[in-house]
Protein backbone atom coordinates (compact mmCIF):
# COMPACT_ATOMS: atom_id res chain seq x y z
CA MET A 1 -275.75 253.11 -69.19
CA ASN A 2 -272.19 253.24 -70.61
CA THR A 3 -270.29 255.79 -68.69
CA ALA A 4 -266.88 255.17 -70.40
CA THR A 5 -265.55 258.14 -72.46
CA THR A 6 -265.27 257.71 -76.21
CA ARG A 7 -261.48 257.36 -75.87
CA GLU A 8 -261.92 254.49 -73.22
CA GLN A 9 -264.51 252.80 -75.47
CA LEU A 10 -262.11 252.92 -78.41
CA LEU A 11 -259.30 251.48 -76.47
CA ASN A 12 -261.57 248.67 -75.06
CA HIS A 13 -262.98 247.71 -78.42
CA ALA A 14 -259.58 247.91 -80.13
CA GLN A 15 -258.22 245.61 -77.56
CA ILE A 16 -260.99 243.11 -78.21
CA LEU A 17 -260.54 243.27 -81.96
CA ILE A 18 -256.80 242.71 -81.76
CA ARG A 19 -257.31 239.76 -79.35
CA GLN A 20 -259.78 238.22 -81.73
CA ARG A 21 -258.44 239.10 -85.25
CA GLY A 22 -254.88 240.36 -84.70
CA TYR A 23 -253.42 243.86 -85.49
CA ASN A 24 -253.99 243.59 -89.26
CA GLY A 25 -257.45 242.07 -88.88
CA PHE A 26 -259.34 245.32 -88.22
CA SER A 27 -259.59 248.82 -89.51
CA TYR A 28 -260.63 252.20 -88.09
CA ARG A 29 -263.85 251.65 -89.93
CA ASP A 30 -264.51 248.31 -88.06
CA LEU A 31 -263.63 250.04 -84.79
CA ALA A 32 -265.92 252.99 -85.59
CA GLU A 33 -268.86 250.58 -86.16
CA HIS A 34 -268.22 248.86 -82.90
CA VAL A 35 -268.11 252.10 -80.90
CA GLY A 36 -270.78 253.99 -82.76
CA VAL A 37 -268.59 256.98 -83.91
CA LYS A 38 -267.15 258.32 -87.26
CA THR A 39 -263.70 257.28 -88.24
CA ALA A 40 -262.82 261.02 -87.95
CA SER A 41 -263.49 260.71 -84.29
CA ILE A 42 -260.92 257.93 -83.93
CA HIS A 43 -258.21 260.00 -85.75
CA TYR A 44 -259.01 262.80 -83.31
CA TYR A 45 -257.76 260.58 -80.42
CA PHE A 46 -255.31 258.37 -82.36
CA PRO A 47 -254.06 259.98 -85.52
CA THR A 48 -252.44 256.74 -86.66
CA LYS A 49 -253.14 253.01 -85.97
CA GLU A 50 -249.75 252.87 -84.35
CA ASP A 51 -250.77 255.58 -81.86
CA LEU A 52 -253.82 253.46 -81.15
CA LEU A 53 -251.74 250.28 -80.74
CA LEU A 54 -249.31 251.91 -78.37
CA GLU A 55 -252.18 253.15 -76.03
CA VAL A 56 -253.94 249.82 -76.23
CA VAL A 57 -250.78 247.91 -75.24
CA SER A 58 -249.95 250.42 -72.46
CA ASP A 59 -253.51 250.29 -71.01
CA TYR A 60 -253.57 246.53 -71.33
CA ALA A 61 -250.07 246.11 -69.79
CA ALA A 62 -250.90 248.46 -66.87
CA ARG A 63 -254.09 246.44 -65.95
CA VAL A 64 -252.37 243.11 -66.23
CA SER A 65 -249.42 244.34 -64.18
CA ALA A 66 -251.84 245.58 -61.46
CA ASN A 67 -253.36 242.11 -61.27
CA ILE A 68 -250.09 240.45 -61.00
CA ASN A 69 -248.68 242.89 -58.46
CA ALA A 70 -251.89 242.16 -56.42
CA ILE A 71 -250.83 238.53 -55.84
CA ASP A 72 -249.62 238.08 -52.28
CA GLU A 73 -245.88 237.59 -52.33
CA THR A 74 -246.01 235.87 -48.95
CA LEU A 75 -247.90 232.99 -50.54
CA SER A 76 -246.08 229.77 -51.48
CA ALA A 77 -244.68 229.64 -55.02
CA LYS A 78 -247.39 227.24 -56.04
CA GLU A 79 -250.13 229.35 -54.70
CA GLN A 80 -248.69 232.44 -56.42
CA LEU A 81 -248.54 230.49 -59.67
CA ASP A 82 -252.13 229.21 -59.19
CA ARG A 83 -253.30 232.81 -58.90
CA TYR A 84 -251.35 233.88 -62.00
CA ALA A 85 -252.78 230.96 -63.99
CA GLN A 86 -256.24 232.00 -62.88
CA LEU A 87 -255.62 235.41 -64.66
CA PHE A 88 -255.27 233.52 -67.96
CA SER A 89 -258.16 231.05 -67.38
CA ASN A 90 -260.62 233.91 -66.75
CA ALA A 91 -260.00 235.35 -70.30
CA PRO A 92 -262.75 235.18 -72.83
CA SER A 93 -262.51 231.89 -74.93
CA ASP A 94 -262.47 233.78 -78.16
CA GLN A 95 -259.51 235.98 -77.21
CA ILE A 96 -255.90 235.33 -76.35
CA CYS A 97 -253.35 237.53 -74.64
CA LEU A 98 -253.18 240.85 -76.40
CA CYS A 99 -249.34 240.94 -76.51
CA GLY A 100 -249.14 237.30 -77.56
CA THR A 101 -251.47 238.03 -80.43
CA LEU A 102 -249.37 241.05 -81.46
CA ALA A 103 -246.16 239.08 -81.30
CA ALA A 104 -247.49 236.96 -84.13
CA ASP A 105 -247.95 240.16 -86.14
CA LEU A 106 -244.31 241.25 -85.44
CA ALA A 107 -243.36 241.69 -89.03
CA SER A 108 -245.93 244.56 -89.49
CA LEU A 109 -245.13 246.40 -86.22
CA SER A 110 -242.80 249.32 -85.77
CA GLU A 111 -239.58 249.15 -83.76
CA ARG A 112 -241.27 251.18 -80.99
CA SER A 113 -244.26 248.71 -80.87
CA ARG A 114 -241.81 245.78 -80.75
CA GLN A 115 -239.94 247.28 -77.78
CA THR A 116 -243.25 247.88 -75.99
CA LEU A 117 -244.21 244.19 -76.49
CA GLN A 118 -240.79 243.00 -75.33
CA ALA A 119 -241.15 245.16 -72.13
CA PHE A 120 -244.50 243.36 -71.52
CA TYR A 121 -242.89 239.95 -71.88
CA ARG A 122 -239.98 240.90 -69.66
CA VAL A 123 -242.30 242.04 -66.83
CA HIS A 124 -244.06 238.59 -66.81
CA GLU A 125 -240.79 236.64 -67.17
CA ALA A 126 -239.22 238.54 -64.32
CA TRP A 127 -242.27 237.94 -62.13
CA LEU A 128 -242.23 234.27 -62.92
CA ALA A 129 -238.56 234.08 -62.39
CA LYS A 130 -239.14 235.40 -58.76
CA VAL A 131 -241.89 232.84 -58.24
CA MET A 132 -239.54 230.06 -59.32
CA ALA A 133 -236.83 231.45 -57.01
CA ARG A 134 -239.26 231.13 -54.19
CA ALA A 135 -240.07 227.61 -55.42
CA GLN A 136 -236.37 226.75 -55.03
CA ALA A 137 -236.69 227.78 -51.40
CA ASP A 138 -240.03 226.30 -50.56
CA GLY A 139 -240.00 223.19 -52.72
CA THR A 140 -243.67 223.66 -53.93
CA LEU A 141 -242.84 223.65 -57.61
CA LYS A 142 -240.32 221.90 -59.86
CA THR A 143 -237.48 224.20 -61.02
CA SER A 144 -234.41 223.75 -63.34
CA GLY A 145 -232.21 225.72 -60.94
CA ASP A 146 -232.08 228.66 -63.46
CA CYS A 147 -234.86 230.99 -62.30
CA GLU A 148 -234.52 233.34 -65.32
CA SER A 149 -234.77 230.45 -67.80
CA ASP A 150 -237.68 229.06 -65.95
CA GLY A 151 -239.44 232.38 -65.98
CA ARG A 152 -239.04 232.61 -69.76
CA TRP A 153 -240.16 229.07 -70.69
CA LEU A 154 -243.07 229.21 -68.24
CA PHE A 155 -244.43 232.42 -69.78
CA ALA A 156 -243.80 230.95 -73.22
CA ALA A 157 -245.86 227.84 -72.05
CA PHE A 158 -248.69 229.98 -70.85
CA GLN A 159 -248.86 231.90 -74.14
CA GLY A 160 -248.90 228.61 -76.06
CA GLY A 161 -251.47 227.26 -73.73
CA LEU A 162 -253.73 230.10 -74.37
CA MET A 163 -253.33 229.75 -78.14
CA SER A 164 -254.01 226.08 -78.13
CA SER A 165 -256.90 226.44 -75.66
CA ARG A 166 -258.48 228.79 -78.25
CA LEU A 167 -257.74 226.64 -81.18
CA PHE A 168 -259.31 223.48 -79.50
CA GLN A 169 -261.87 225.43 -77.52
CA ASN A 170 -260.54 223.65 -74.43
CA ALA A 171 -259.56 225.80 -71.57
CA SER A 172 -258.04 222.81 -69.72
CA ARG A 173 -255.02 222.98 -71.88
CA LEU A 174 -253.67 225.61 -69.51
CA ASN A 175 -253.77 222.96 -66.82
CA ASP A 176 -251.02 221.10 -68.67
CA VAL A 177 -248.65 224.18 -68.03
CA MET A 178 -249.45 223.99 -64.35
CA ALA A 179 -248.97 220.16 -64.19
CA SER A 180 -245.57 220.55 -65.82
CA VAL A 181 -244.16 222.24 -62.77
CA GLN A 182 -246.12 220.36 -59.93
CA VAL A 183 -244.04 218.48 -57.45
CA GLU A 184 -244.92 214.84 -57.33
CA ARG A 185 -245.34 213.67 -53.75
CA PRO A 186 -245.92 210.10 -52.47
CA VAL A 187 -249.55 209.49 -51.49
CA GLY A 188 -250.12 210.69 -47.85
CA GLN A 189 -247.11 212.98 -47.79
CA PRO A 190 -248.07 216.60 -47.16
CA ASP A 191 -246.62 219.41 -49.31
CA ALA A 192 -244.16 221.85 -47.76
CA GLN A 193 -246.76 224.42 -46.96
CA SER A 194 -249.11 221.92 -45.24
CA ALA A 195 -246.14 220.49 -43.26
CA ALA A 196 -245.30 224.05 -42.08
CA ALA A 197 -248.94 224.74 -40.97
């Protein structure tokens, strides 16, 4: 039995449709059919498609941020990044990051929507920059020495990895992102975390 409210169902299904088809790839009629309501009901909750979009992004960003903030900051940089990557690898194979999908539709979005997406990107880039700063200290990941830059390219790499994973139906493409920052150690030499244990 579905206990979600109509509003929650609309947000959930809109998110799925955007992640599968993009912002311009669905209408209120499509959404009404998925939820089993009339389009007038959608307009009651979200008078315009932009109102719906802003709520969808806000809801998605809050849930993703909660998952990121739940990653233990006392873990090594490598372990933190492994847990972060797991969030991406657990996504449905027919969908990519909501905000990554929307960034591709940028020309059709309002300035307010663009700013909301930029805020989402900045949260991830800043979190990854902190992880890379920790990596400079614990030596468990390769860094460039510029943590902010590392955070930006790493998030861009994850977004690209998600898109190519979907295109090729091969989730292992995300592993390439992780491999790009792994510290190569001679055979038999423990990593910094194992040595400290």
